[in-house]
């Protein structure tokens, strides 16, 4: 009988807040890598779109960690002001803290790390990738705002996949501009007929397949090099 993936709720202490971040960690048997998710503006680790992608990645043999980038108290503030969700520096610091936390857990410290960012979370993922070039092995952006990473884009070393909906014209332009600044291996994949949230039939499935292929290519390869 095939072993089931192990899922548990985790807490990550923060240096800049009294309340820890909350997350959901899932590790399938024989995982070859782990993907840390950075949700978009106004979302959380309960995002149905990210949870769907996470399930596909788990089926592909990858562990996942979905976390809230804001504490419960900050979420209440953000619901009133909508300011913290666009604080890329804060979100990136939180994501980097989570990436470092994974490196200190016996069950995940041996796994090659990838980042999956949606919307503003993609900018945070790229800033984290630049801050931890020896740790982050691959990045995938879904409907992302890589332009918000600013001058950090030139410092990213991790292979980066940008996925944008074909009907999301303004974000396509922003991603094309970001591509010209990226020095790491990168690709732009456009899902025909998809809007910003990929709500059309089959659109999110296409995102998940592309992400799984990208992470398998770079995280599994990294794991194979480490074993050899």
N, C-alpha and C. Protein backbone atom coordinates (compact mmCIF):
# COMPACT_ATOMS: atom_id res chain seq x y z
N UNK A 1 0.84 -1.20 0.00
CA UNK A 1 0.00 0.00 0.00
C UNK A 1 0.88 1.25 0.00
N UNK A 2 0.54 2.20 -0.86
CA UNK A 2 1.32 3.42 -0.97
C UNK A 2 1.15 4.27 0.28
N UNK A 3 2.26 4.80 0.79
CA UNK A 3 2.20 5.64 1.96
C UNK A 3 1.55 6.97 1.62
N UNK A 4 0.82 7.51 2.60
CA UNK A 4 0.17 8.81 2.41
C UNK A 4 1.12 9.93 2.78
N UNK A 5 0.89 11.09 2.18
CA UNK A 5 1.68 12.26 2.53
C UNK A 5 1.39 12.66 3.97
N UNK A 6 2.39 13.18 4.64
CA UNK A 6 2.24 13.64 6.01
C UNK A 6 1.99 15.15 6.02
N UNK A 7 0.88 15.57 6.63
CA UNK A 7 0.52 16.99 6.69
C UNK A 7 0.38 17.42 8.14
N UNK A 8 0.96 18.58 8.46
CA UNK A 8 0.79 19.11 9.82
C UNK A 8 0.83 20.63 9.78
N UNK A 9 0.18 21.24 10.76
CA UNK A 9 0.22 22.68 10.91
C UNK A 9 1.48 23.07 11.69
N UNK A 10 2.14 24.12 11.24
CA UNK A 10 3.38 24.53 11.88
C UNK A 10 3.32 26.02 12.23
N UNK A 11 4.22 26.44 13.12
CA UNK A 11 4.36 27.85 13.49
C UNK A 11 5.82 28.25 13.32
N UNK A 12 6.04 29.42 12.77
CA UNK A 12 7.40 29.91 12.52
C UNK A 12 7.60 31.20 13.32
N UNK A 13 8.48 31.18 14.31
CA UNK A 13 8.73 32.40 15.11
C UNK A 13 9.30 33.52 14.24
N UNK A 14 8.95 34.75 14.61
CA UNK A 14 9.39 35.92 13.85
C UNK A 14 10.26 36.82 14.72
N UNK A 15 11.31 37.40 14.15
CA UNK A 15 12.14 38.33 14.91
C UNK A 15 11.49 39.69 15.09
N UNK A 16 10.47 40.00 14.25
CA UNK A 16 9.88 41.34 14.27
C UNK A 16 8.42 41.34 14.72
N UNK A 17 7.95 40.24 15.32
CA UNK A 17 6.57 40.18 15.79
C UNK A 17 6.46 39.17 16.93
N UNK A 18 5.49 39.37 17.81
CA UNK A 18 5.32 38.45 18.94
C UNK A 18 4.53 37.22 18.54
N UNK A 19 3.73 37.36 17.47
CA UNK A 19 2.93 36.24 16.99
C UNK A 19 3.65 35.53 15.84
N UNK A 20 3.72 34.19 15.87
CA UNK A 20 4.41 33.49 14.78
C UNK A 20 3.57 33.43 13.52
N UNK A 21 4.21 33.06 12.42
CA UNK A 21 3.48 32.78 11.19
C UNK A 21 2.90 31.38 11.26
N UNK A 22 1.74 31.20 10.66
CA UNK A 22 1.10 29.88 10.63
C UNK A 22 1.28 29.27 9.24
N UNK A 23 1.46 27.97 9.19
CA UNK A 23 1.67 27.32 7.91
C UNK A 23 1.17 25.89 7.89
N UNK A 24 1.04 25.34 6.69
CA UNK A 24 0.64 23.95 6.48
C UNK A 24 1.75 23.25 5.70
N UNK A 25 2.40 22.29 6.33
CA UNK A 25 3.52 21.57 5.74
C UNK A 25 3.07 20.18 5.34
N UNK A 26 3.29 19.83 4.09
CA UNK A 26 2.93 18.50 3.58
C UNK A 26 4.15 17.87 2.93
N UNK A 27 4.48 16.65 3.36
CA UNK A 27 5.65 15.95 2.83
C UNK A 27 5.23 14.58 2.32
N UNK A 28 5.22 14.39 0.99
CA UNK A 28 4.90 13.06 0.45
C UNK A 28 6.08 12.12 0.63
N UNK A 29 5.84 10.82 0.62
CA UNK A 29 6.94 9.86 0.76
C UNK A 29 7.97 10.04 -0.35
N UNK A 30 9.25 10.02 0.03
CA UNK A 30 10.31 10.13 -0.96
C UNK A 30 10.42 11.47 -1.65
N UNK A 31 9.97 12.53 -0.98
CA UNK A 31 10.00 13.87 -1.59
C UNK A 31 11.41 14.23 -2.06
N UNK A 32 11.51 14.81 -3.25
CA UNK A 32 12.78 15.18 -3.85
C UNK A 32 13.08 16.67 -3.72
N UNK A 33 12.15 17.41 -3.18
CA UNK A 33 12.32 18.85 -3.02
C UNK A 33 11.14 19.40 -2.27
N UNK A 34 11.19 20.70 -1.95
CA UNK A 34 10.07 21.33 -1.24
C UNK A 34 9.82 22.69 -1.86
N UNK A 35 8.55 23.06 -1.98
CA UNK A 35 8.15 24.33 -2.56
C UNK A 35 7.46 25.17 -1.49
N UNK A 36 7.99 26.35 -1.27
CA UNK A 36 7.44 27.31 -0.31
C UNK A 36 6.58 28.30 -1.07
N UNK A 37 5.34 28.48 -0.63
CA UNK A 37 4.38 29.32 -1.34
C UNK A 37 4.32 30.73 -0.74
N UNK A 38 4.25 31.73 -1.61
CA UNK A 38 4.05 33.12 -1.21
C UNK A 38 2.75 33.59 -1.86
N UNK A 39 1.72 33.77 -1.05
CA UNK A 39 0.41 34.13 -1.60
C UNK A 39 0.38 35.59 -2.04
N UNK A 40 -0.65 35.92 -2.79
CA UNK A 40 -0.79 37.27 -3.32
C UNK A 40 -1.51 38.20 -2.39
N UNK A 41 -1.74 39.41 -2.87
CA UNK A 41 -2.35 40.46 -2.06
C UNK A 41 -3.74 40.08 -1.60
N UNK A 42 -3.98 40.25 -0.31
CA UNK A 42 -5.29 39.98 0.27
C UNK A 42 -5.62 38.52 0.42
N UNK A 43 -4.66 37.62 0.22
CA UNK A 43 -4.91 36.19 0.30
C UNK A 43 -4.24 35.62 1.54
N UNK A 44 -4.17 34.28 1.61
CA UNK A 44 -3.58 33.61 2.76
C UNK A 44 -3.18 32.20 2.35
N UNK A 45 -2.71 31.42 3.34
CA UNK A 45 -2.32 30.05 3.03
C UNK A 45 -3.52 29.19 2.65
N UNK A 46 -4.73 29.71 2.87
CA UNK A 46 -5.95 28.97 2.53
C UNK A 46 -6.42 29.26 1.10
N UNK A 47 -5.63 30.01 0.33
CA UNK A 47 -5.99 30.30 -1.06
C UNK A 47 -6.32 29.02 -1.81
N UNK A 48 -7.54 28.88 -2.34
CA UNK A 48 -7.89 27.65 -3.05
C UNK A 48 -7.03 27.42 -4.28
N UNK A 49 -6.58 28.49 -4.93
CA UNK A 49 -5.75 28.32 -6.12
C UNK A 49 -4.38 27.76 -5.74
N UNK A 50 -3.76 28.34 -4.72
CA UNK A 50 -2.45 27.83 -4.31
C UNK A 50 -2.55 26.42 -3.73
N UNK A 51 -3.63 26.14 -3.02
CA UNK A 51 -3.80 24.80 -2.45
C UNK A 51 -3.97 23.77 -3.58
N UNK A 52 -4.64 24.16 -4.65
CA UNK A 52 -4.77 23.25 -5.79
C UNK A 52 -3.41 22.96 -6.40
N UNK A 53 -2.63 24.02 -6.64
CA UNK A 53 -1.29 23.83 -7.20
C UNK A 53 -0.44 22.98 -6.26
N UNK A 54 -0.56 23.22 -4.96
CA UNK A 54 0.22 22.44 -3.99
C UNK A 54 -0.11 20.96 -4.08
N UNK A 55 -1.38 20.62 -4.26
CA UNK A 55 -1.75 19.20 -4.39
C UNK A 55 -1.11 18.56 -5.61
N UNK A 56 -1.09 19.30 -6.71
CA UNK A 56 -0.46 18.77 -7.93
C UNK A 56 1.04 18.56 -7.70
N UNK A 57 1.67 19.49 -7.02
CA UNK A 57 3.10 19.35 -6.73
C UNK A 57 3.36 18.16 -5.81
N UNK A 58 2.48 17.96 -4.84
CA UNK A 58 2.64 16.82 -3.95
C UNK A 58 2.53 15.50 -4.72
N UNK A 59 1.60 15.46 -5.66
CA UNK A 59 1.45 14.26 -6.49
C UNK A 59 2.68 14.04 -7.37
N UNK A 60 3.43 15.13 -7.62
CA UNK A 60 4.64 15.04 -8.43
C UNK A 60 5.87 14.72 -7.56
N UNK A 61 5.65 14.44 -6.28
CA UNK A 61 6.75 14.06 -5.40
C UNK A 61 7.46 15.21 -4.73
N UNK A 62 6.79 16.35 -4.59
CA UNK A 62 7.38 17.52 -3.96
C UNK A 62 6.64 17.86 -2.68
N UNK A 63 7.39 18.16 -1.63
CA UNK A 63 6.80 18.65 -0.40
C UNK A 63 6.38 20.11 -0.61
N UNK A 64 5.43 20.58 0.20
CA UNK A 64 4.96 21.97 0.07
C UNK A 64 4.80 22.59 1.45
N UNK A 65 5.02 23.88 1.51
CA UNK A 65 4.73 24.66 2.72
C UNK A 65 3.96 25.90 2.30
N UNK A 66 2.69 25.95 2.69
CA UNK A 66 1.87 27.14 2.48
C UNK A 66 1.83 27.90 3.80
N UNK A 67 2.21 29.18 3.77
CA UNK A 67 2.24 29.97 4.99
C UNK A 67 1.48 31.27 4.82
N UNK A 68 1.06 31.83 5.95
CA UNK A 68 0.54 33.19 5.98
C UNK A 68 1.72 34.12 6.15
N UNK A 69 1.85 35.10 5.30
CA UNK A 69 2.97 36.03 5.39
C UNK A 69 2.72 37.16 6.38
N UNK A 70 1.49 37.29 6.83
CA UNK A 70 1.14 38.27 7.85
C UNK A 70 0.62 37.54 9.08
N UNK A 71 0.88 38.10 10.26
CA UNK A 71 0.33 37.53 11.49
C UNK A 71 -1.16 37.84 11.56
N UNK A 72 -1.85 37.21 12.50
CA UNK A 72 -3.30 37.44 12.65
C UNK A 72 -3.59 38.90 12.93
N UNK A 73 -2.77 39.53 13.77
CA UNK A 73 -2.98 40.94 14.08
C UNK A 73 -2.76 41.82 12.85
N UNK A 74 -1.73 41.48 12.07
CA UNK A 74 -1.45 42.26 10.86
C UNK A 74 -2.54 42.08 9.81
N UNK A 75 -3.13 40.90 9.77
CA UNK A 75 -4.23 40.66 8.83
C UNK A 75 -5.40 41.61 9.13
N UNK A 76 -5.70 41.80 10.41
CA UNK A 76 -6.78 42.71 10.79
C UNK A 76 -6.49 44.13 10.35
N UNK A 77 -5.22 44.54 10.53
CA UNK A 77 -4.83 45.88 10.09
C UNK A 77 -4.93 45.99 8.57
N UNK A 78 -4.47 44.97 7.88
CA UNK A 78 -4.45 45.00 6.42
C UNK A 78 -5.85 45.02 5.83
N UNK A 79 -6.79 44.36 6.50
CA UNK A 79 -8.17 44.39 6.00
C UNK A 79 -8.74 45.80 6.00
N UNK A 80 -8.26 46.62 6.94
CA UNK A 80 -8.75 48.00 7.02
C UNK A 80 -7.98 48.93 6.09
N UNK A 81 -6.66 48.70 5.96
CA UNK A 81 -5.83 49.66 5.24
C UNK A 81 -5.33 49.17 3.88
N UNK A 82 -5.26 47.84 3.69
CA UNK A 82 -4.74 47.23 2.45
C UNK A 82 -3.31 47.68 2.15
N UNK A 83 -2.56 48.03 3.19
CA UNK A 83 -1.20 48.53 2.98
C UNK A 83 -0.14 47.43 3.09
N UNK A 84 -0.29 46.55 4.06
CA UNK A 84 0.76 45.56 4.30
C UNK A 84 0.88 44.56 3.15
N UNK A 85 -0.20 44.31 2.46
CA UNK A 85 -0.17 43.32 1.37
C UNK A 85 0.72 43.78 0.21
N UNK A 86 1.04 45.08 0.16
CA UNK A 86 1.91 45.59 -0.88
C UNK A 86 3.30 45.97 -0.35
N UNK A 87 3.57 45.61 0.89
CA UNK A 87 4.88 45.88 1.49
C UNK A 87 5.81 44.72 1.11
N UNK A 88 6.42 44.82 -0.07
CA UNK A 88 7.22 43.71 -0.58
C UNK A 88 8.41 43.41 0.33
N UNK A 89 9.00 44.44 0.91
CA UNK A 89 10.12 44.22 1.83
C UNK A 89 9.72 43.37 3.01
N UNK A 90 8.57 43.68 3.61
CA UNK A 90 8.07 42.90 4.75
C UNK A 90 7.74 41.47 4.33
N UNK A 91 7.03 41.32 3.22
CA UNK A 91 6.65 39.98 2.76
C UNK A 91 7.88 39.13 2.44
N UNK A 92 8.88 39.75 1.83
CA UNK A 92 10.11 39.02 1.50
C UNK A 92 10.86 38.61 2.76
N UNK A 93 10.90 39.48 3.76
CA UNK A 93 11.56 39.11 5.02
C UNK A 93 10.86 37.92 5.67
N UNK A 94 9.56 37.92 5.63
CA UNK A 94 8.80 36.81 6.20
C UNK A 94 9.07 35.52 5.42
N UNK A 95 9.09 35.63 4.11
CA UNK A 95 9.34 34.45 3.27
C UNK A 95 10.75 33.91 3.50
N UNK A 96 11.71 34.82 3.64
CA UNK A 96 13.09 34.41 3.90
C UNK A 96 13.20 33.73 5.26
N UNK A 97 12.47 34.24 6.24
CA UNK A 97 12.46 33.60 7.56
C UNK A 97 11.92 32.17 7.45
N UNK A 98 10.88 31.99 6.64
CA UNK A 98 10.31 30.65 6.46
C UNK A 98 11.30 29.72 5.74
N UNK A 99 12.00 30.27 4.73
CA UNK A 99 13.00 29.47 4.01
C UNK A 99 14.12 29.03 4.95
N UNK A 100 14.57 29.95 5.80
CA UNK A 100 15.61 29.60 6.77
C UNK A 100 15.10 28.57 7.78
N UNK A 101 13.85 28.71 8.18
CA UNK A 101 13.25 27.76 9.13
C UNK A 101 13.27 26.34 8.57
N UNK A 102 12.95 26.21 7.28
CA UNK A 102 12.95 24.89 6.65
C UNK A 102 14.33 24.25 6.70
N UNK A 103 15.37 25.08 6.64
CA UNK A 103 16.73 24.56 6.65
C UNK A 103 17.16 24.05 8.03
N UNK A 104 16.36 24.34 9.05
CA UNK A 104 16.69 23.90 10.40
C UNK A 104 15.77 22.80 10.91
N UNK A 105 14.90 22.29 10.03
CA UNK A 105 14.01 21.20 10.41
C UNK A 105 14.56 19.88 9.87
N UNK A 106 14.71 18.88 10.73
CA UNK A 106 15.30 17.61 10.28
C UNK A 106 14.58 17.00 9.08
N UNK A 107 13.27 17.19 8.99
CA UNK A 107 12.50 16.55 7.92
C UNK A 107 12.57 17.29 6.59
N UNK A 108 13.07 18.53 6.60
CA UNK A 108 13.09 19.31 5.36
C UNK A 108 14.46 19.87 5.00
N UNK A 109 15.41 19.81 5.90
CA UNK A 109 16.69 20.49 5.65
C UNK A 109 17.48 19.89 4.49
N UNK A 110 17.16 18.63 4.13
CA UNK A 110 17.87 17.98 3.03
C UNK A 110 17.18 18.19 1.69
N UNK A 111 16.04 18.87 1.67
CA UNK A 111 15.26 19.01 0.44
C UNK A 111 15.64 20.29 -0.31
N UNK A 112 15.85 20.17 -1.62
CA UNK A 112 16.10 21.35 -2.45
C UNK A 112 14.87 22.25 -2.43
N UNK A 113 15.10 23.56 -2.33
CA UNK A 113 14.01 24.51 -2.11
C UNK A 113 13.63 25.28 -3.37
N UNK A 114 12.32 25.33 -3.63
CA UNK A 114 11.77 26.18 -4.67
C UNK A 114 10.75 27.13 -4.08
N UNK A 115 10.48 28.22 -4.77
CA UNK A 115 9.50 29.21 -4.32
C UNK A 115 8.43 29.37 -5.38
N UNK A 116 7.16 29.40 -4.95
CA UNK A 116 6.03 29.64 -5.84
C UNK A 116 5.33 30.90 -5.35
N UNK A 117 5.35 31.95 -6.17
CA UNK A 117 4.75 33.21 -5.77
C UNK A 117 3.60 33.61 -6.67
N UNK A 118 2.52 34.09 -6.07
CA UNK A 118 1.37 34.58 -6.83
C UNK A 118 1.21 36.08 -6.61
N UNK A 119 0.93 36.81 -7.69
CA UNK A 119 0.70 38.25 -7.60
C UNK A 119 1.87 38.93 -6.90
N UNK A 120 1.60 39.69 -5.83
CA UNK A 120 2.69 40.36 -5.11
C UNK A 120 3.63 39.36 -4.44
N UNK A 121 3.14 38.16 -4.16
CA UNK A 121 3.99 37.12 -3.58
C UNK A 121 5.13 36.73 -4.50
N UNK A 122 4.95 36.92 -5.81
CA UNK A 122 6.02 36.61 -6.76
C UNK A 122 7.19 37.56 -6.56
N UNK A 123 6.91 38.83 -6.31
CA UNK A 123 7.98 39.79 -6.04
C UNK A 123 8.72 39.40 -4.77
N UNK A 124 7.98 39.02 -3.74
CA UNK A 124 8.60 38.59 -2.48
C UNK A 124 9.47 37.36 -2.72
N UNK A 125 9.01 36.45 -3.55
CA UNK A 125 9.77 35.23 -3.84
C UNK A 125 11.08 35.57 -4.54
N UNK A 126 11.05 36.52 -5.46
CA UNK A 126 12.27 36.89 -6.18
C UNK A 126 13.25 37.62 -5.27
N UNK A 127 12.75 38.44 -4.36
CA UNK A 127 13.62 39.11 -3.40
C UNK A 127 14.28 38.08 -2.48
N UNK A 128 13.51 37.08 -2.05
CA UNK A 128 14.07 36.02 -1.22
C UNK A 128 15.10 35.20 -1.99
N UNK A 129 14.81 34.92 -3.25
CA UNK A 129 15.77 34.17 -4.08
C UNK A 129 17.09 34.92 -4.20
N UNK A 130 17.01 36.24 -4.33
CA UNK A 130 18.23 37.05 -4.41
C UNK A 130 18.97 37.07 -3.08
N UNK A 131 18.21 37.07 -1.98
CA UNK A 131 18.82 37.12 -0.65
C UNK A 131 19.43 35.78 -0.25
N UNK A 132 18.93 34.69 -0.80
CA UNK A 132 19.42 33.34 -0.47
C UNK A 132 19.80 32.59 -1.74
N UNK A 133 20.81 33.09 -2.48
CA UNK A 133 21.14 32.47 -3.78
C UNK A 133 21.64 31.04 -3.67
N UNK A 134 22.22 30.66 -2.55
CA UNK A 134 22.71 29.30 -2.38
C UNK A 134 21.64 28.35 -1.85
N UNK A 135 20.47 28.89 -1.53
CA UNK A 135 19.40 28.09 -0.95
C UNK A 135 18.26 27.86 -1.93
N UNK A 136 17.82 28.92 -2.58
CA UNK A 136 16.66 28.84 -3.49
C UNK A 136 17.12 28.34 -4.85
N UNK A 137 16.55 27.21 -5.30
CA UNK A 137 16.99 26.56 -6.54
C UNK A 137 16.08 26.82 -7.73
N UNK A 138 14.86 27.30 -7.50
CA UNK A 138 13.94 27.56 -8.61
C UNK A 138 12.81 28.44 -8.11
N UNK A 139 12.26 29.24 -9.01
CA UNK A 139 11.14 30.13 -8.70
C UNK A 139 10.09 30.00 -9.79
N UNK A 140 8.82 29.96 -9.38
CA UNK A 140 7.70 30.02 -10.32
C UNK A 140 6.79 31.17 -9.89
N UNK A 141 6.40 31.99 -10.85
CA UNK A 141 5.51 33.12 -10.61
C UNK A 141 4.19 32.87 -11.33
N UNK A 142 3.06 32.97 -10.59
CA UNK A 142 1.73 32.82 -11.20
C UNK A 142 1.01 34.17 -11.19
N UNK A 143 0.79 34.72 -12.38
CA UNK A 143 0.13 36.02 -12.44
C UNK A 143 0.85 37.04 -11.59
N UNK A 144 2.18 36.96 -11.61
CA UNK A 144 2.98 37.70 -10.65
C UNK A 144 3.29 39.13 -11.04
N UNK A 145 3.81 39.85 -10.05
CA UNK A 145 4.29 41.21 -10.25
C UNK A 145 5.80 41.25 -9.99
N UNK A 146 6.58 40.60 -10.86
CA UNK A 146 8.03 40.60 -10.67
C UNK A 146 8.63 41.99 -10.73
N UNK A 147 7.94 42.92 -11.39
CA UNK A 147 8.44 44.29 -11.47
C UNK A 147 8.58 44.92 -10.10
N UNK A 148 7.77 44.46 -9.13
CA UNK A 148 7.83 45.03 -7.79
C UNK A 148 9.08 44.61 -7.02
N UNK A 149 9.84 43.67 -7.58
CA UNK A 149 11.11 43.29 -6.97
C UNK A 149 12.20 44.32 -7.26
N UNK A 150 11.96 45.21 -8.20
CA UNK A 150 12.87 46.30 -8.48
C UNK A 150 14.24 45.84 -8.96
N UNK A 151 15.27 46.53 -8.47
CA UNK A 151 16.64 46.27 -8.92
C UNK A 151 17.16 44.91 -8.48
N UNK A 152 16.43 44.25 -7.58
CA UNK A 152 16.85 42.93 -7.10
C UNK A 152 16.81 41.89 -8.21
N UNK A 153 16.02 42.13 -9.24
CA UNK A 153 15.86 41.15 -10.31
C UNK A 153 17.21 40.72 -10.90
N UNK A 154 18.12 41.66 -11.06
CA UNK A 154 19.42 41.34 -11.64
C UNK A 154 20.25 40.40 -10.76
N UNK A 155 19.90 40.31 -9.48
CA UNK A 155 20.67 39.50 -8.53
C UNK A 155 20.14 38.07 -8.39
N UNK A 156 18.97 37.79 -8.97
CA UNK A 156 18.37 36.46 -8.85
C UNK A 156 19.19 35.46 -9.66
N UNK A 157 19.56 34.35 -9.04
CA UNK A 157 20.31 33.30 -9.73
C UNK A 157 19.47 32.07 -10.00
N UNK A 158 18.35 31.94 -9.33
CA UNK A 158 17.52 30.74 -9.48
C UNK A 158 16.75 30.78 -10.80
N UNK A 159 16.69 29.67 -11.54
CA UNK A 159 15.88 29.61 -12.75
C UNK A 159 14.43 30.00 -12.44
N UNK A 160 13.88 30.88 -13.25
CA UNK A 160 12.59 31.49 -12.94
C UNK A 160 11.60 31.29 -14.09
N UNK A 161 10.43 30.77 -13.75
CA UNK A 161 9.34 30.59 -14.71
C UNK A 161 8.24 31.60 -14.41
N UNK A 162 7.89 32.39 -15.39
CA UNK A 162 6.82 33.39 -15.27
C UNK A 162 5.60 32.88 -16.03
N UNK A 163 4.47 32.73 -15.32
CA UNK A 163 3.24 32.25 -15.95
C UNK A 163 2.19 33.35 -15.85
N UNK A 164 1.62 33.70 -17.00
CA UNK A 164 0.66 34.79 -17.05
C UNK A 164 -0.52 34.37 -17.93
N UNK A 165 -1.71 34.84 -17.57
CA UNK A 165 -2.89 34.58 -18.37
C UNK A 165 -2.88 35.38 -19.66
N UNK A 166 -3.32 34.77 -20.75
CA UNK A 166 -3.32 35.44 -22.04
C UNK A 166 -4.20 36.68 -22.09
N UNK A 167 -5.22 36.75 -21.22
CA UNK A 167 -6.12 37.91 -21.19
C UNK A 167 -5.69 38.94 -20.16
N UNK A 168 -4.55 38.72 -19.52
CA UNK A 168 -4.07 39.61 -18.47
C UNK A 168 -3.01 40.54 -19.06
N UNK A 169 -3.45 41.36 -20.01
CA UNK A 169 -2.51 42.15 -20.82
C UNK A 169 -1.57 43.03 -20.00
N UNK A 170 -2.05 43.80 -19.01
CA UNK A 170 -1.12 44.66 -18.27
C UNK A 170 -0.02 43.86 -17.57
N UNK A 171 -0.37 42.69 -17.02
CA UNK A 171 0.62 41.89 -16.30
C UNK A 171 1.58 41.21 -17.27
N UNK A 172 1.12 40.89 -18.48
CA UNK A 172 2.04 40.36 -19.50
C UNK A 172 3.13 41.38 -19.77
N UNK A 173 2.76 42.63 -19.94
CA UNK A 173 3.73 43.70 -20.22
C UNK A 173 4.72 43.83 -19.07
N UNK A 174 4.24 43.77 -17.83
CA UNK A 174 5.11 43.89 -16.66
C UNK A 174 6.08 42.71 -16.58
N UNK A 175 5.61 41.53 -16.92
CA UNK A 175 6.47 40.35 -16.89
C UNK A 175 7.51 40.39 -18.00
N UNK A 176 7.11 40.88 -19.17
CA UNK A 176 8.07 41.01 -20.27
C UNK A 176 9.18 41.99 -19.90
N UNK A 177 8.81 43.08 -19.22
CA UNK A 177 9.82 44.05 -18.80
C UNK A 177 10.75 43.43 -17.75
N UNK A 178 10.18 42.63 -16.84
CA UNK A 178 11.01 41.98 -15.82
C UNK A 178 11.97 40.98 -16.44
N UNK A 179 11.52 40.29 -17.49
CA UNK A 179 12.39 39.32 -18.17
C UNK A 179 13.67 39.97 -18.69
N UNK A 180 13.56 41.19 -19.15
CA UNK A 180 14.73 41.87 -19.71
C UNK A 180 15.76 42.18 -18.64
N UNK A 181 15.35 42.12 -17.38
CA UNK A 181 16.27 42.43 -16.27
C UNK A 181 16.80 41.17 -15.60
N UNK A 182 16.14 40.05 -15.81
CA UNK A 182 16.59 38.82 -15.19
C UNK A 182 17.86 38.30 -15.86
N UNK A 183 18.82 37.91 -15.04
CA UNK A 183 20.06 37.34 -15.55
C UNK A 183 20.07 35.82 -15.41
N UNK A 184 19.22 35.30 -14.55
CA UNK A 184 19.11 33.85 -14.36
C UNK A 184 18.36 33.24 -15.54
N UNK A 185 18.49 31.92 -15.75
CA UNK A 185 17.67 31.26 -16.77
C UNK A 185 16.19 31.52 -16.49
N UNK A 186 15.43 31.86 -17.51
CA UNK A 186 14.03 32.19 -17.28
C UNK A 186 13.19 31.92 -18.53
N UNK A 187 11.90 31.73 -18.29
CA UNK A 187 10.95 31.54 -19.38
C UNK A 187 9.65 32.27 -19.03
N UNK A 188 8.94 32.72 -20.04
CA UNK A 188 7.60 33.28 -19.89
C UNK A 188 6.63 32.36 -20.61
N UNK A 189 5.65 31.85 -19.88
CA UNK A 189 4.63 31.00 -20.48
C UNK A 189 3.28 31.68 -20.31
N UNK A 190 2.59 31.85 -21.41
CA UNK A 190 1.28 32.51 -21.40
C UNK A 190 0.20 31.47 -21.62
N UNK A 191 -0.80 31.44 -20.73
CA UNK A 191 -1.91 30.50 -20.83
C UNK A 191 -3.02 31.15 -21.65
N UNK A 192 -3.28 30.68 -22.88
CA UNK A 192 -4.27 31.32 -23.74
C UNK A 192 -5.66 31.36 -23.09
N UNK A 193 -6.31 32.51 -23.19
CA UNK A 193 -7.67 32.65 -22.71
C UNK A 193 -7.82 32.79 -21.22
N UNK A 194 -6.73 32.81 -20.47
CA UNK A 194 -6.81 32.88 -19.01
C UNK A 194 -6.73 34.33 -18.53
N UNK A 195 -7.48 34.61 -17.47
CA UNK A 195 -7.44 35.93 -16.85
C UNK A 195 -6.43 35.93 -15.70
N UNK A 196 -6.41 37.00 -14.93
CA UNK A 196 -5.40 37.15 -13.87
C UNK A 196 -5.48 36.05 -12.82
N UNK A 197 -6.68 35.61 -12.49
CA UNK A 197 -6.84 34.59 -11.43
C UNK A 197 -6.93 33.16 -11.99
N UNK A 198 -6.83 33.01 -13.28
CA UNK A 198 -6.84 31.68 -13.92
C UNK A 198 -8.09 30.89 -13.53
N UNK A 199 -9.24 31.57 -13.59
CA UNK A 199 -10.50 30.94 -13.18
C UNK A 199 -11.16 30.18 -14.31
N UNK A 200 -10.68 30.32 -15.53
CA UNK A 200 -11.29 29.65 -16.68
C UNK A 200 -11.02 28.15 -16.62
N UNK A 201 -11.93 27.34 -17.21
CA UNK A 201 -11.75 25.89 -17.19
C UNK A 201 -10.39 25.48 -17.75
N UNK A 202 -9.66 24.69 -16.97
CA UNK A 202 -8.37 24.16 -17.40
C UNK A 202 -7.19 25.09 -17.20
N UNK A 203 -7.44 26.37 -16.87
CA UNK A 203 -6.34 27.33 -16.77
C UNK A 203 -5.43 27.03 -15.59
N UNK A 204 -6.02 26.81 -14.43
CA UNK A 204 -5.20 26.56 -13.25
C UNK A 204 -4.50 25.21 -13.35
N UNK A 205 -5.15 24.25 -14.00
CA UNK A 205 -4.50 22.95 -14.24
C UNK A 205 -3.25 23.13 -15.09
N UNK A 206 -3.32 24.02 -16.08
CA UNK A 206 -2.16 24.29 -16.92
C UNK A 206 -1.03 24.92 -16.11
N UNK A 207 -1.39 25.84 -15.22
CA UNK A 207 -0.40 26.47 -14.33
C UNK A 207 0.30 25.40 -13.49
N UNK A 208 -0.51 24.53 -12.89
CA UNK A 208 0.03 23.51 -12.00
C UNK A 208 0.97 22.56 -12.74
N UNK A 209 0.60 22.19 -13.97
CA UNK A 209 1.46 21.29 -14.76
C UNK A 209 2.79 21.96 -15.07
N UNK A 210 2.74 23.23 -15.49
CA UNK A 210 3.96 23.95 -15.80
C UNK A 210 4.86 24.08 -14.57
N UNK A 211 4.23 24.40 -13.44
CA UNK A 211 5.00 24.55 -12.19
C UNK A 211 5.63 23.23 -11.79
N UNK A 212 4.87 22.14 -11.87
CA UNK A 212 5.40 20.83 -11.49
C UNK A 212 6.58 20.45 -12.37
N UNK A 213 6.47 20.69 -13.68
CA UNK A 213 7.56 20.37 -14.59
C UNK A 213 8.81 21.20 -14.27
N UNK A 214 8.61 22.47 -13.98
CA UNK A 214 9.74 23.36 -13.68
C UNK A 214 10.46 22.93 -12.40
N UNK A 215 9.68 22.67 -11.36
CA UNK A 215 10.29 22.28 -10.09
C UNK A 215 10.93 20.90 -10.18
N UNK A 216 10.30 19.99 -10.90
CA UNK A 216 10.92 18.66 -11.07
C UNK A 216 12.25 18.79 -11.81
N UNK A 217 12.27 19.66 -12.80
CA UNK A 217 13.50 19.82 -13.58
C UNK A 217 14.66 20.32 -12.70
N UNK A 218 14.39 21.31 -11.87
CA UNK A 218 15.48 21.94 -11.13
C UNK A 218 15.65 21.41 -9.71
N UNK A 219 14.58 21.04 -9.03
CA UNK A 219 14.74 20.52 -7.66
C UNK A 219 15.17 19.08 -7.66
N UNK A 220 14.59 18.26 -8.53
CA UNK A 220 15.00 16.84 -8.60
C UNK A 220 16.44 16.76 -9.09
N UNK A 221 16.81 17.60 -10.06
CA UNK A 221 18.18 17.58 -10.57
C UNK A 221 19.15 17.97 -9.47
N UNK A 222 18.74 18.95 -8.65
CA UNK A 222 19.60 19.39 -7.56
C UNK A 222 19.77 18.28 -6.53
N UNK A 223 18.68 17.57 -6.25
CA UNK A 223 18.74 16.46 -5.30
C UNK A 223 19.64 15.33 -5.83
N UNK A 224 19.56 15.10 -7.15
CA UNK A 224 20.39 14.05 -7.74
C UNK A 224 21.88 14.40 -7.67
N UNK A 225 22.19 15.68 -7.88
CA UNK A 225 23.59 16.11 -7.78
C UNK A 225 24.10 15.95 -6.35
N UNK A 226 23.24 16.29 -5.36
CA UNK A 226 23.64 16.19 -3.96
C UNK A 226 23.88 14.73 -3.57
N UNK A 227 23.05 13.82 -4.11
CA UNK A 227 23.20 12.40 -3.79
C UNK A 227 24.43 11.80 -4.46
N UNK A 228 24.76 12.35 -5.65
CA UNK A 228 25.88 11.79 -6.39
C UNK A 228 27.21 12.35 -5.97
